[in-house]
Structures are given as structure tokens and as C-alpha cells.
PDB file of N, CA and C in Angstrom:
ATOM      1  N   MET A   1      20.729 107.261  -0.919  1.00  0.00           N
ATOM      2  CA  MET A   1      19.490 106.385  -1.338  1.00  0.00           C
ATOM      3  C   MET A   1      19.360 106.740  -2.996  1.00  0.00           C
ATOM      4  N   MET A   2      19.822 108.094  -3.289  1.00  0.00           N
ATOM      5  CA  MET A   2      19.381 108.397  -4.884  1.00  0.00           C
ATOM      6  C   MET A   2      20.526 107.575  -5.539  1.00  0.00           C
ATOM      7  N   ALA A   3      21.587 107.336  -4.999  1.00  0.00           N
ATOM      8  CA  ALA A   3      22.697 106.447  -5.932  1.00  0.00           C
ATOM      9  C   ALA A   3      22.463 105.306  -6.027  1.00  0.00           C
ATOM     10  N   VAL A   4      21.656 104.536  -5.037  1.00  0.00           N
ATOM     11  CA  VAL A   4      21.109 103.042  -5.095  1.00  0.00           C
ATOM     12  C   VAL A   4      19.935 103.079  -5.959  1.00  0.00           C
ATOM     13  N   THR A   5      19.202 104.040  -6.063  1.00  0.00           N
ATOM     14  CA  THR A   5      18.172 104.098  -7.108  1.00  0.00           C
ATOM     15  C   THR A   5      18.656 104.033  -8.377  1.00  0.00           C
ATOM     16  N   ASN A   6      19.542 105.072  -8.731  1.00  0.00           N
ATOM     17  CA  ASN A   6      20.182 105.276 -10.040  1.00  0.00           C
ATOM     18  C   ASN A   6      20.791 104.016 -10.497  1.00  0.00           C
ATOM     19  N   THR A   7      21.429 103.476  -9.417  1.00  0.00           N
ATOM     20  CA  THR A   7      22.278 102.079  -9.957  1.00  0.00           C
ATOM     21  C   THR A   7      21.255 101.022 -10.242  1.00  0.00           C
ATOM     22  N   ILE A   8      20.045 101.044  -9.688  1.00  0.00           N
ATOM     23  CA  ILE A   8      19.093  99.903  -9.964  1.00  0.00           C
ATOM     24  C   ILE A   8      18.614 100.277 -11.426  1.00  0.00           C
ATOM     25  N   ARG A   9      18.329 101.496 -11.482  1.00  0.00           N
ATOM     26  CA  ARG A   9      17.636 101.870 -12.718  1.00  0.00           C
ATOM     27  C   ARG A   9      18.606 101.534 -14.032  1.00  0.00           C
ATOM     28  N   ASN A  10      20.139 101.934 -13.710  1.00  0.00           N
ATOM     29  CA  ASN A  10      20.991 101.534 -14.678  1.00  0.00           C
ATOM     30  C   ASN A  10      21.036 100.205 -14.996  1.00  0.00           C
ATOM     31  N   TYR A  11      21.105  99.232 -14.081  1.00  0.00           N
ATOM     32  CA  TYR A  11      21.252  97.812 -14.256  1.00  0.00           C
ATOM     33  C   TYR A  11      19.882  97.351 -14.957  1.00  0.00           C
ATOM     34  N   PHE A  12      18.800  97.902 -14.564  1.00  0.00           N
ATOM     35  CA  PHE A  12      17.509  97.440 -15.195  1.00  0.00           C
ATOM     36  C   PHE A  12      17.645  97.798 -16.879  1.00  0.00           C
ATOM     37  N   LEU A  13      18.166  99.045 -17.083  1.00  0.00           N
ATOM     38  CA  LEU A  13      18.129  99.529 -18.429  1.00  0.00           C
ATOM     39  C   LEU A  13      19.310  98.709 -19.371  1.00  0.00           C
ATOM     40  N   LEU A  14      20.352  98.237 -18.560  1.00  0.00           N
ATOM     41  CA  LEU A  14      21.256  97.350 -19.376  1.00  0.00           C
ATOM     42  C   LEU A  14      20.775  95.980 -19.485  1.00  0.00           C
ATOM     43  N   PHE A  15      19.879  95.630 -18.721  1.00  0.00           N
ATOM     44  CA  PHE A  15      19.078  94.244 -18.806  1.00  0.00           C
ATOM     45  C   PHE A  15      18.252  94.355 -20.166  1.00  0.00           C
ATOM     46  N   LEU A  16      17.444  95.498 -20.214  1.00  0.00           N
ATOM     47  CA  LEU A  16      16.640  95.627 -21.191  1.00  0.00           C
ATOM     48  C   LEU A  16      17.435  95.721 -22.665  1.00  0.00           C
ATOM     49  N   LEU A  17      18.544  96.480 -22.467  1.00  0.00           N
ATOM     50  CA  LEU A  17      19.364  96.378 -23.845  1.00  0.00           C
ATOM     51  C   LEU A  17      19.764  94.922 -24.207  1.00  0.00           C
ATOM     52  N   TYR A  18      20.126  94.205 -23.139  1.00  0.00           N
ATOM     53  CA  TYR A  18      20.568  93.061 -23.295  1.00  0.00           C
ATOM     54  C   TYR A  18      19.449  92.101 -23.964  1.00  0.00           C
ATOM     55  N   ILE A  19      18.176  92.268 -23.477  1.00  0.00           N
ATOM     56  CA  ILE A  19      17.119  91.463 -23.909  1.00  0.00           C
ATOM     57  C   ILE A  19      16.687  91.777 -25.115  1.00  0.00           C
ATOM     58  N   ASN A  20      16.722  93.200 -25.715  1.00  0.00           N
ATOM     59  CA  ASN A  20      16.495  93.644 -26.922  1.00  0.00           C
ATOM     60  C   ASN A  20      17.527  92.946 -28.084  1.00  0.00           C
ATOM     61  N   SER A  21      18.901  92.836 -27.615  1.00  0.00           N
ATOM     62  CA  SER A  21      19.867  92.544 -28.564  1.00  0.00           C
ATOM     63  C   SER A  21      19.575  91.005 -28.963  1.00  0.00           C
ATOM     64  N   TRP A  22      18.942  90.119 -27.780  1.00  0.00           N
ATOM     65  CA  TRP A  22      18.646  88.716 -28.079  1.00  0.00           C
ATOM     66  C   TRP A  22      17.346  88.728 -28.930  1.00  0.00           C
ATOM     67  N   ILE A  23      16.422  89.643 -28.672  1.00  0.00           N
ATOM     68  CA  ILE A  23      15.263  89.697 -29.713  1.00  0.00           C
ATOM     69  C   ILE A  23      15.571  90.002 -31.192  1.00  0.00           C
ATOM     70  N   ASP A  24      16.513  91.064 -31.238  1.00  0.00           N
ATOM     71  CA  ASP A  24      17.080  91.279 -32.785  1.00  0.00           C
ATOM     72  C   ASP A  24      17.656  90.074 -33.183  1.00  0.00           C
ATOM     73  N   TYR A  25      18.535  89.414 -32.406  1.00  0.00           N
ATOM     74  CA  TYR A  25      19.116  87.948 -33.095  1.00  0.00           C
ATOM     75  C   TYR A  25      18.092  87.212 -33.364  1.00  0.00           C
ATOM     76  N   PHE A  26      17.235  86.868 -32.671  1.00  0.00           N
ATOM     77  CA  PHE A  26      16.341  85.724 -33.164  1.00  0.00           C
ATOM     78  C   PHE A  26      15.414  86.351 -34.061  1.00  0.00           C
ATOM     79  N   LYS A  27      15.228  87.610 -34.484  1.00  0.00           N
ATOM     80  CA  LYS A  27      14.469  87.989 -35.611  1.00  0.00           C
ATOM     81  C   LYS A  27      15.311  87.620 -36.836  1.00  0.00           C
ATOM     82  N   VAL A  28      16.720  88.059 -36.797  1.00  0.00           N
ATOM     83  CA  VAL A  28      17.412  87.805 -37.943  1.00  0.00           C
ATOM     84  C   VAL A  28      17.596  86.328 -38.211  1.00  0.00           C
ATOM     85  N   LYS A  29      17.614  85.451 -37.158  1.00  0.00           N
ATOM     86  CA  LYS A  29      17.818  84.084 -37.172  1.00  0.00           C
ATOM     87  C   LYS A  29      16.426  83.504 -37.648  1.00  0.00           C
ATOM     88  N   LEU A  30      15.272  84.027 -37.553  1.00  0.00           N
ATOM     89  CA  LEU A  30      14.101  83.494 -37.734  1.00  0.00           C
ATOM     90  C   LEU A  30      13.880  83.822 -39.371  1.00  0.00           C
ATOM     91  N   GLY A  31      14.295  84.854 -39.723  1.00  0.00           N
ATOM     92  CA  GLY A  31      14.178  85.449 -40.966  1.00  0.00           C
ATOM     93  C   GLY A  31      14.908  84.439 -41.733  1.00  0.00           C
ATOM     94  N   VAL A  32      16.168  84.012 -41.412  1.00  0.00           N
ATOM     95  CA  VAL A  32      17.054  82.989 -42.289  1.00  0.00           C
ATOM     96  C   VAL A  32      16.239  81.643 -42.270  1.00  0.00           C
ATOM     97  N   LEU A  33      15.714  81.381 -41.026  1.00  0.00           N
ATOM     98  CA  LEU A  33      15.068  80.083 -41.181  1.00  0.00           C
ATOM     99  C   LEU A  33      13.830  79.942 -41.984  1.00  0.00           C
ATOM    100  N   LYS A  34      13.198  81.098 -42.097  1.00  0.00           N
ATOM    101  CA  LYS A  34      11.811  81.207 -43.060  1.00  0.00           C
ATOM    102  C   LYS A  34      12.270  80.941 -44.366  1.00  0.00           C
ATOM    103  N   VAL A  35      13.409  81.340 -44.755  1.00  0.00           N
ATOM    104  CA  VAL A  35      13.915  81.337 -46.208  1.00  0.00           C
ATOM    105  C   VAL A  35      14.379  80.090 -46.647  1.00  0.00           C
ATOM    106  N   LYS A  36      14.910  79.290 -45.513  1.00  0.00           N
ATOM    107  CA  LYS A  36      15.619  78.230 -45.586  1.00  0.00           C
ATOM    108  C   LYS A  36      14.453  76.977 -45.575  1.00  0.00           C
ATOM    109  N   TYR A  37      13.518  77.156 -45.127  1.00  0.00           N
ATOM    110  CA  TYR A  37      12.522  76.115 -44.949  1.00  0.00           C
ATOM    111  C   TYR A  37      11.193  76.519 -45.792  1.00  0.00           C
ATOM    112  N   GLY A  38      11.487  77.648 -46.484  1.00  0.00           N
ATOM    113  CA  GLY A  38      10.241  77.984 -47.604  1.00  0.00           C
ATOM    114  C   GLY A  38       9.058  78.519 -46.977  1.00  0.00           C
ATOM    115  N   LEU A  39       9.179  79.197 -45.844  1.00  0.00           N
ATOM    116  CA  LEU A  39       7.984  79.807 -45.001  1.00  0.00           C
ATOM    117  C   LEU A  39       7.846  81.370 -45.663  1.00  0.00           C
ATOM    118  N   VAL A  40       8.496  81.896 -46.510  1.00  0.00           N
ATOM    119  CA  VAL A  40       8.204  83.005 -47.356  1.00  0.00           C
ATOM    120  C   VAL A  40       7.848  82.985 -48.694  1.00  0.00           C
ATOM    121  N   GLY A  41       6.979  83.580 -49.358  1.00  0.00           N
ATOM    122  CA  GLY A  41       6.830  83.365 -50.808  1.00  0.00           C
ATOM    123  C   GLY A  41       5.383  82.930 -50.953  1.00  0.00           C
ATOM    124  N   HIS A  42       5.064  82.067 -51.883  1.00  0.00           N
ATOM    125  CA  HIS A  42       3.801  81.459 -52.420  1.00  0.00           C
ATOM    126  C   HIS A  42       3.820  80.121 -52.584  1.00  0.00           C
ATOM    127  N   PHE A  43       2.570  79.508 -52.535  1.00  0.00           N
ATOM    128  CA  PHE A  43       2.610  78.102 -53.116  1.00  0.00           C
ATOM    129  C   PHE A  43       1.195  77.899 -53.550  1.00  0.00           C
ATOM    130  N   GLU A  44       1.111  76.950 -54.533  1.00  0.00           N
ATOM    131  CA  GLU A  44      -0.182  76.758 -55.360  1.00  0.00           C
ATOM    132  C   GLU A  44      -0.840  75.527 -54.656  1.00  0.00           C
ATOM    133  N   LYS A  45      -2.148  75.625 -54.607  1.00  0.00           N
ATOM    134  CA  LYS A  45      -3.012  74.514 -54.109  1.00  0.00           C
ATOM    135  C   LYS A  45      -4.392  74.600 -54.635  1.00  0.00           C
ATOM    136  N   ASN A  46      -4.523  73.612 -55.376  1.00  0.00           N
ATOM    137  CA  ASN A  46      -5.988  73.325 -56.010  1.00  0.00           C
ATOM    138  C   ASN A  46      -6.263  74.564 -57.281  1.00  0.00           C
ATOM    139  N   GLY A  47      -4.965  75.008 -57.831  1.00  0.00           N
ATOM    140  CA  GLY A  47      -5.296  76.059 -58.544  1.00  0.00           C
ATOM    141  C   GLY A  47      -5.453  77.432 -58.078  1.00  0.00           C
ATOM    142  N   ILE A  48      -5.228  77.760 -56.825  1.00  0.00           N
ATOM    143  CA  ILE A  48      -5.077  78.833 -56.004  1.00  0.00           C
ATOM    144  C   ILE A  48      -3.717  79.136 -55.417  1.00  0.00           C
ATOM    145  N   ILE A  49      -3.425  80.469 -55.821  1.00  0.00           N
ATOM    146  CA  ILE A  49      -2.074  80.793 -55.092  1.00  0.00           C
ATOM    147  C   ILE A  49      -2.343  81.330 -53.759  1.00  0.00           C
ATOM    148  N   TRP A  50      -1.620  80.692 -52.811  1.00  0.00           N
ATOM    149  CA  TRP A  50      -1.430  81.105 -51.504  1.00  0.00           C
ATOM    150  C   TRP A  50      -0.297  81.834 -50.871  1.00  0.00           C
ATOM    151  N   SER A  51      -0.651  82.732 -49.932  1.00  0.00           N
ATOM    152  CA  SER A  51       0.693  83.527 -49.555  1.00  0.00           C
ATOM    153  C   SER A  51       1.244  82.474 -48.182  1.00  0.00           C
ATOM    154  N   ARG A  52       2.530  82.319 -48.281  1.00  0.00           N
ATOM    155  CA  ARG A  52       3.062  81.733 -46.978  1.00  0.00           C
ATOM    156  C   ARG A  52       3.001  82.550 -45.752  1.00  0.00           C
ATOM    157  N   ASN A  53       2.941  83.791 -45.953  1.00  0.00           N
ATOM    158  CA  ASN A  53       2.893  84.865 -44.740  1.00  0.00           C
ATOM    159  C   ASN A  53       1.651  84.398 -43.995  1.00  0.00           C
ATOM    160  N   LEU A  54       0.515  83.905 -44.501  1.00  0.00           N
ATOM    161  CA  LEU A  54      -0.668  83.901 -43.827  1.00  0.00           C
ATOM    162  C   LEU A  54      -1.356  82.532 -43.830  1.00  0.00           C
ATOM    163  N   HIS A  55      -0.763  81.551 -44.709  1.00  0.00           N
ATOM    164  CA  HIS A  55      -1.285  80.316 -44.743  1.00  0.00           C
ATOM    165  C   HIS A  55      -0.003  79.268 -44.945  1.00  0.00           C
ATOM    166  N   THR A  56      -0.298  77.971 -44.322  1.00  0.00           N
ATOM    167  CA  THR A  56       0.514  76.951 -44.542  1.00  0.00           C
ATOM    168  C   THR A  56      -0.199  75.748 -45.425  1.00  0.00           C
ATOM    169  N   GLU A  57       0.552  75.222 -46.032  1.00  0.00           N
ATOM    170  CA  GLU A  57      -0.207  73.914 -46.755  1.00  0.00           C
ATOM    171  C   GLU A  57      -0.844  72.921 -46.128  1.00  0.00           C
ATOM    172  N   ARG A  58      -0.490  72.806 -44.864  1.00  0.00           N
ATOM    173  CA  ARG A  58      -1.451  71.958 -43.804  1.00  0.00           C
ATOM    174  C   ARG A  58      -2.661  72.733 -43.517  1.00  0.00           C
ATOM    175  N   MET A  59      -2.737  73.996 -43.445  1.00  0.00           N
ATOM    176  CA  MET A  59      -4.155  74.646 -42.992  1.00  0.00           C
ATOM    177  C   MET A  59      -4.947  74.561 -44.063  1.00  0.00           C
ATOM    178  N   VAL A  60      -4.326  74.758 -45.567  1.00  0.00           N
ATOM    179  CA  VAL A  60      -5.202  74.530 -46.383  1.00  0.00           C
ATOM    180  C   VAL A  60      -5.765  73.206 -46.821  1.00  0.00           C
ATOM    181  N   ASP A  61      -4.830  72.150 -46.530  1.00  0.00           N
ATOM    182  CA  ASP A  61      -5.442  70.924 -46.620  1.00  0.00           C
ATOM    183  C   ASP A  61      -6.508  70.607 -45.586  1.00  0.00           C
ATOM    184  N   ALA A  62      -6.319  71.250 -44.341  1.00  0.00           N
ATOM    185  CA  ALA A  62      -7.436  70.958 -43.415  1.00  0.00           C
ATOM    186  C   ALA A  62      -8.800  71.724 -43.642  1.00  0.00           C
ATOM    187  N   ALA A  63      -8.613  72.795 -44.415  1.00  0.00           N
ATOM    188  CA  ALA A  63      -9.704  73.666 -44.700  1.00  0.00           C
ATOM    189  C   ALA A  63     -10.589  73.066 -45.749  1.00  0.00           C
ATOM    190  N   VAL A  64      -9.850  72.280 -46.867  1.00  0.00           N
ATOM    191  CA  VAL A  64     -10.527  71.656 -48.034  1.00  0.00           C
ATOM    192  C   VAL A  64     -11.057  70.265 -47.408  1.00  0.00           C
ATOM    193  N   GLY A  65     -10.256  69.710 -46.377  1.00  0.00           N
ATOM    194  CA  GLY A  65     -10.968  68.537 -45.949  1.00  0.00           C
ATOM    195  C   GLY A  65     -12.192  68.621 -45.159  1.00  0.00           C
ATOM    196  N   PHE A  66     -12.544  70.065 -44.594  1.00  0.00           N
ATOM    197  CA  PHE A  66     -13.367  70.138 -43.596  1.00  0.00           C
ATOM    198  C   PHE A  66     -14.644  69.718 -44.035  1.00  0.00           C
ATOM    199  N   THR A  67     -15.506  69.057 -43.217  1.00  0.00           N
ATOM    200  CA  THR A  67     -16.865  68.391 -43.508  1.00  0.00           C
ATOM    201  C   THR A  67     -18.046  68.906 -42.589  1.00  0.00           C
ATOM    202  N   GLU A  68     -17.908  69.122 -41.363  1.00  0.00           N
ATOM    203  CA  GLU A  68     -18.882  69.618 -40.530  1.00  0.00           C
ATOM    204  C   GLU A  68     -18.576  70.213 -39.224  1.00  0.00           C
ATOM    205  N   PHE A  69     -19.382  70.951 -38.799  1.00  0.00           N
ATOM    206  CA  PHE A  69     -19.196  71.580 -37.397  1.00  0.00           C
ATOM    207  C   PHE A  69     -19.521  70.545 -36.470  1.00  0.00           C
ATOM    208  N   LYS A  70     -18.827  70.588 -35.337  1.00  0.00           N
ATOM    209  CA  LYS A  70     -19.300  69.898 -33.904  1.00  0.00           C
ATOM    210  C   LYS A  70     -20.115  70.910 -33.139  1.00  0.00           C
ATOM    211  N   PRO A  71     -20.847  70.388 -32.201  1.00  0.00           N
ATOM    212  CA  PRO A  71     -21.743  71.352 -31.516  1.00  0.00           C
ATOM    213  C   PRO A  71     -21.138  72.113 -30.632  1.00  0.00           C
ATOM    214  N   ASP A  72     -19.966  71.923 -30.102  1.00  0.00           N
ATOM    215  CA  ASP A  72     -19.299  72.967 -29.238  1.00  0.00           C
ATOM    216  C   ASP A  72     -18.133  73.583 -30.069  1.00  0.00           C
ATOM    217  N   ASP A  73     -18.187  73.838 -31.362  1.00  0.00           N
ATOM    218  CA  ASP A  73     -17.523  74.703 -32.060  1.00  0.00           C
ATOM    219  C   ASP A  73     -17.757  76.151 -31.918  1.00  0.00           C
ATOM    220  N   VAL A  74     -16.855  77.164 -31.953  1.00  0.00           N
ATOM    221  CA  VAL A  74     -16.996  78.453 -31.887  1.00  0.00           C
ATOM    222  C   VAL A  74     -16.605  79.267 -33.092  1.00  0.00           C
ATOM    223  N   ILE A  75     -17.131  79.904 -33.812  1.00  0.00           N
ATOM    224  CA  ILE A  75     -16.753  80.530 -34.881  1.00  0.00           C
ATOM    225  C   ILE A  75     -16.629  82.071 -34.546  1.00  0.00           C
ATOM    226  N   LEU A  76     -15.483  82.638 -35.003  1.00  0.00           N
ATOM    227  CA  LEU A  76     -15.167  84.003 -34.583  1.00  0.00           C
ATOM    228  C   LEU A  76     -15.132  84.645 -36.184  1.00  0.00           C
ATOM    229  N   ALA A  77     -15.805  85.755 -36.433  1.00  0.00           N
ATOM    230  CA  ALA A  77     -15.502  86.351 -37.706  1.00  0.00           C
ATOM    231  C   ALA A  77     -15.683  87.879 -37.345  1.00  0.00           C
ATOM    232  N   ALA A  78     -14.768  88.684 -37.888  1.00  0.00           N
ATOM    233  CA  ALA A  78     -14.842  90.064 -37.465  1.00  0.00           C
ATOM    234  C   ALA A  78     -14.042  91.059 -38.803  1.00  0.00           C
ATOM    235  N   TYR A  79     -14.389  91.950 -38.770  1.00  0.00           N
ATOM    236  CA  TYR A  79     -13.659  92.905 -39.752  1.00  0.00           C
ATOM    237  C   TYR A  79     -12.331  93.179 -39.264  1.00  0.00           C
ATOM    238  N   PRO A  80     -11.354  93.443 -40.045  1.00  0.00           N
ATOM    239  CA  PRO A  80     -10.020  93.962 -39.709  1.00  0.00           C
ATOM    240  C   PRO A  80     -10.018  95.326 -38.747  1.00  0.00           C
ATOM    241  N   LYS A  81      -9.268  95.295 -37.768  1.00  0.00           N
ATOM    242  CA  LYS A  81      -9.121  96.449 -36.747  1.00  0.00           C
ATOM    243  C   LYS A  81     -10.666  96.712 -36.129  1.00  0.00           C
ATOM    244  N   ALA A  82     -11.322  95.581 -35.811  1.00  0.00           N
ATOM    245  CA  ALA A  82     -12.606  95.808 -35.171  1.00  0.00           C
ATOM    246  C   ALA A  82     -12.352  95.092 -33.791  1.00  0.00           C
ATOM    247  N   GLY A  83     -11.194  94.825 -33.278  1.00  0.00           N
ATOM    248  CA  GLY A  83     -11.168  94.326 -31.884  1.00  0.00           C
ATOM    249  C   GLY A  83     -11.145  92.696 -31.855  1.00  0.00           C
ATOM    250  N   THR A  84     -10.513  92.202 -32.957  1.00  0.00           N
ATOM    251  CA  THR A  84     -10.570  90.544 -33.099  1.00  0.00           C
ATOM    252  C   THR A  84      -9.930  89.958 -32.228  1.00  0.00           C
ATOM    253  N   ASN A  85      -8.705  90.520 -31.739  1.00  0.00           N
ATOM    254  CA  ASN A  85      -7.695  89.756 -30.712  1.00  0.00           C
ATOM    255  C   ASN A  85      -8.599  90.274 -29.234  1.00  0.00           C
ATOM    256  N   PHE A  86      -9.200  91.074 -29.019  1.00  0.00           N
ATOM    257  CA  PHE A  86     -10.008  91.291 -27.793  1.00  0.00           C
ATOM    258  C   PHE A  86     -11.022  90.619 -27.529  1.00  0.00           C
ATOM    259  N   THR A  87     -11.900  90.020 -28.722  1.00  0.00           N
ATOM    260  CA  THR A  87     -12.995  89.177 -28.846  1.00  0.00           C
ATOM    261  C   THR A  87     -12.484  87.902 -28.397  1.00  0.00           C
ATOM    262  N   VAL A  88     -11.201  87.502 -29.149  1.00  0.00           N
ATOM    263  CA  VAL A  88     -10.661  86.311 -28.991  1.00  0.00           C
ATOM    264  C   VAL A  88     -10.374  86.105 -27.488  1.00  0.00           C
ATOM    265  N   GLY A  89      -9.747  86.991 -26.968  1.00  0.00           N
ATOM    266  CA  GLY A  89      -9.465  86.951 -25.394  1.00  0.00           C
ATOM    267  C   GLY A  89     -10.724  86.710 -24.421  1.00  0.00           C
ATOM    268  N   ILE A  90     -11.909  87.333 -24.914  1.00  0.00           N
ATOM    269  CA  ILE A  90     -12.917  87.186 -24.211  1.00  0.00           C
ATOM    270  C   ILE A  90     -13.664  85.747 -24.196  1.00  0.00           C
ATOM    271  N   ILE A  91     -13.595  85.323 -25.556  1.00  0.00           N
ATOM    272  CA  ILE A  91     -13.954  83.897 -25.637  1.00  0.00           C
ATOM    273  C   ILE A  91     -13.130  82.852 -24.948  1.00  0.00           C
ATOM    274  N   MET A  92     -11.843  82.958 -25.065  1.00  0.00           N
ATOM    275  CA  MET A  92     -11.066  82.065 -24.224  1.00  0.00           C
ATOM    276  C   MET A  92     -11.199  82.221 -22.824  1.00  0.00           C
ATOM    277  N   SER A  93     -11.583  83.419 -22.223  1.00  0.00           N
ATOM    278  CA  SER A  93     -11.761  83.402 -20.860  1.00  0.00           C
ATOM    279  C   SER A  93     -13.184  82.686 -20.641  1.00  0.00           C
ATOM    280  N   ILE A  94     -13.953  82.881 -21.479  1.00  0.00           N
ATOM    281  CA  ILE A  94     -15.388  82.089 -21.067  1.00  0.00           C
ATOM    282  C   ILE A  94     -15.306  80.682 -21.395  1.00  0.00           C
ATOM    283  N   TYR A  95     -14.432  80.316 -22.349  1.00  0.00           N
ATOM    284  CA  TYR A  95     -14.224  78.803 -22.345  1.00  0.00           C
ATOM    285  C   TYR A  95     -13.137  78.201 -21.315  1.00  0.00           C
ATOM    286  N   ARG A  96     -12.286  78.999 -20.790  1.00  0.00           N
ATOM    287  CA  ARG A  96     -11.582  78.446 -19.543  1.00  0.00           C
ATOM    288  C   ARG A  96     -12.331  78.321 -18.478  1.00  0.00           C
ATOM    289  N   ARG A  97     -13.293  79.301 -18.124  1.00  0.00           N
ATOM    290  CA  ARG A  97     -14.317  79.112 -17.099  1.00  0.00           C
ATOM    291  C   ARG A  97     -15.196  77.994 -17.177  1.00  0.00           C
ATOM    292  N   LYS A  98     -15.578  77.627 -18.319  1.00  0.00           N
ATOM    293  CA  LYS A  98     -16.429  76.467 -18.696  1.00  0.00           C
ATOM    294  C   LYS A  98     -15.869  75.061 -18.455  1.00  0.00           C
ATOM    295  N   VAL A  99     -14.595  74.889 -18.945  1.00  0.00           N
ATOM    296  CA  VAL A  99     -13.898  73.857 -18.835  1.00  0.00           C
ATOM    297  C   VAL A  99     -13.543  73.327 -17.349  1.00  0.00           C
TER     298      VAL A  99
END
């Protein structure tokens, strides 16, 4: 029985190594795509320099063109490292139960 357990464990570890190699491959590939399509660096919009790591030109255009809130809009504002992702998860679970 011990040999079967070790064999299953070895196959599982081999599978994890295989998955990790694909993850590394895609990280490299995405890095190449970022450079190719201009997703790294900065861009200027309305006299402000924006980082492409955090913003896209489409996002900035949408923010500039924003006019008013809808009655069912939810605003989430939090300090960094204050559980923002946890709060988003709570809001999404409430929203999914509502809909």
C-alpha cells in the first residue's frame, strides 16, 4: 500500500512541475506580448502621464467621460492593504444573492 501511495504522490508532484513549467512559459510569453502591444511604460492623456501597469487609455477615457452615478452603483474605496479584495468578495456575494 505504501508503494501505491508513493507512486500517486510522485505522479502528483510531476503533474505540478508540468503545470509550473506552463505557467512560467506563459509569464514569459505575456511579457513579450506586453512589450509588443505597448502594455508597459507610460502614456500621456490630457497633460497627465499615466502608467500602463495600472491604467489603459480606454479606462482613462471612460473616467474623463463619466457624468453621473446610477442608483444601483456601488463605490468601494479603501486604503492599500486594508482588505480591499476581501471587501470586494463580500460585495460580490451580496450582489449575486440580490440578482
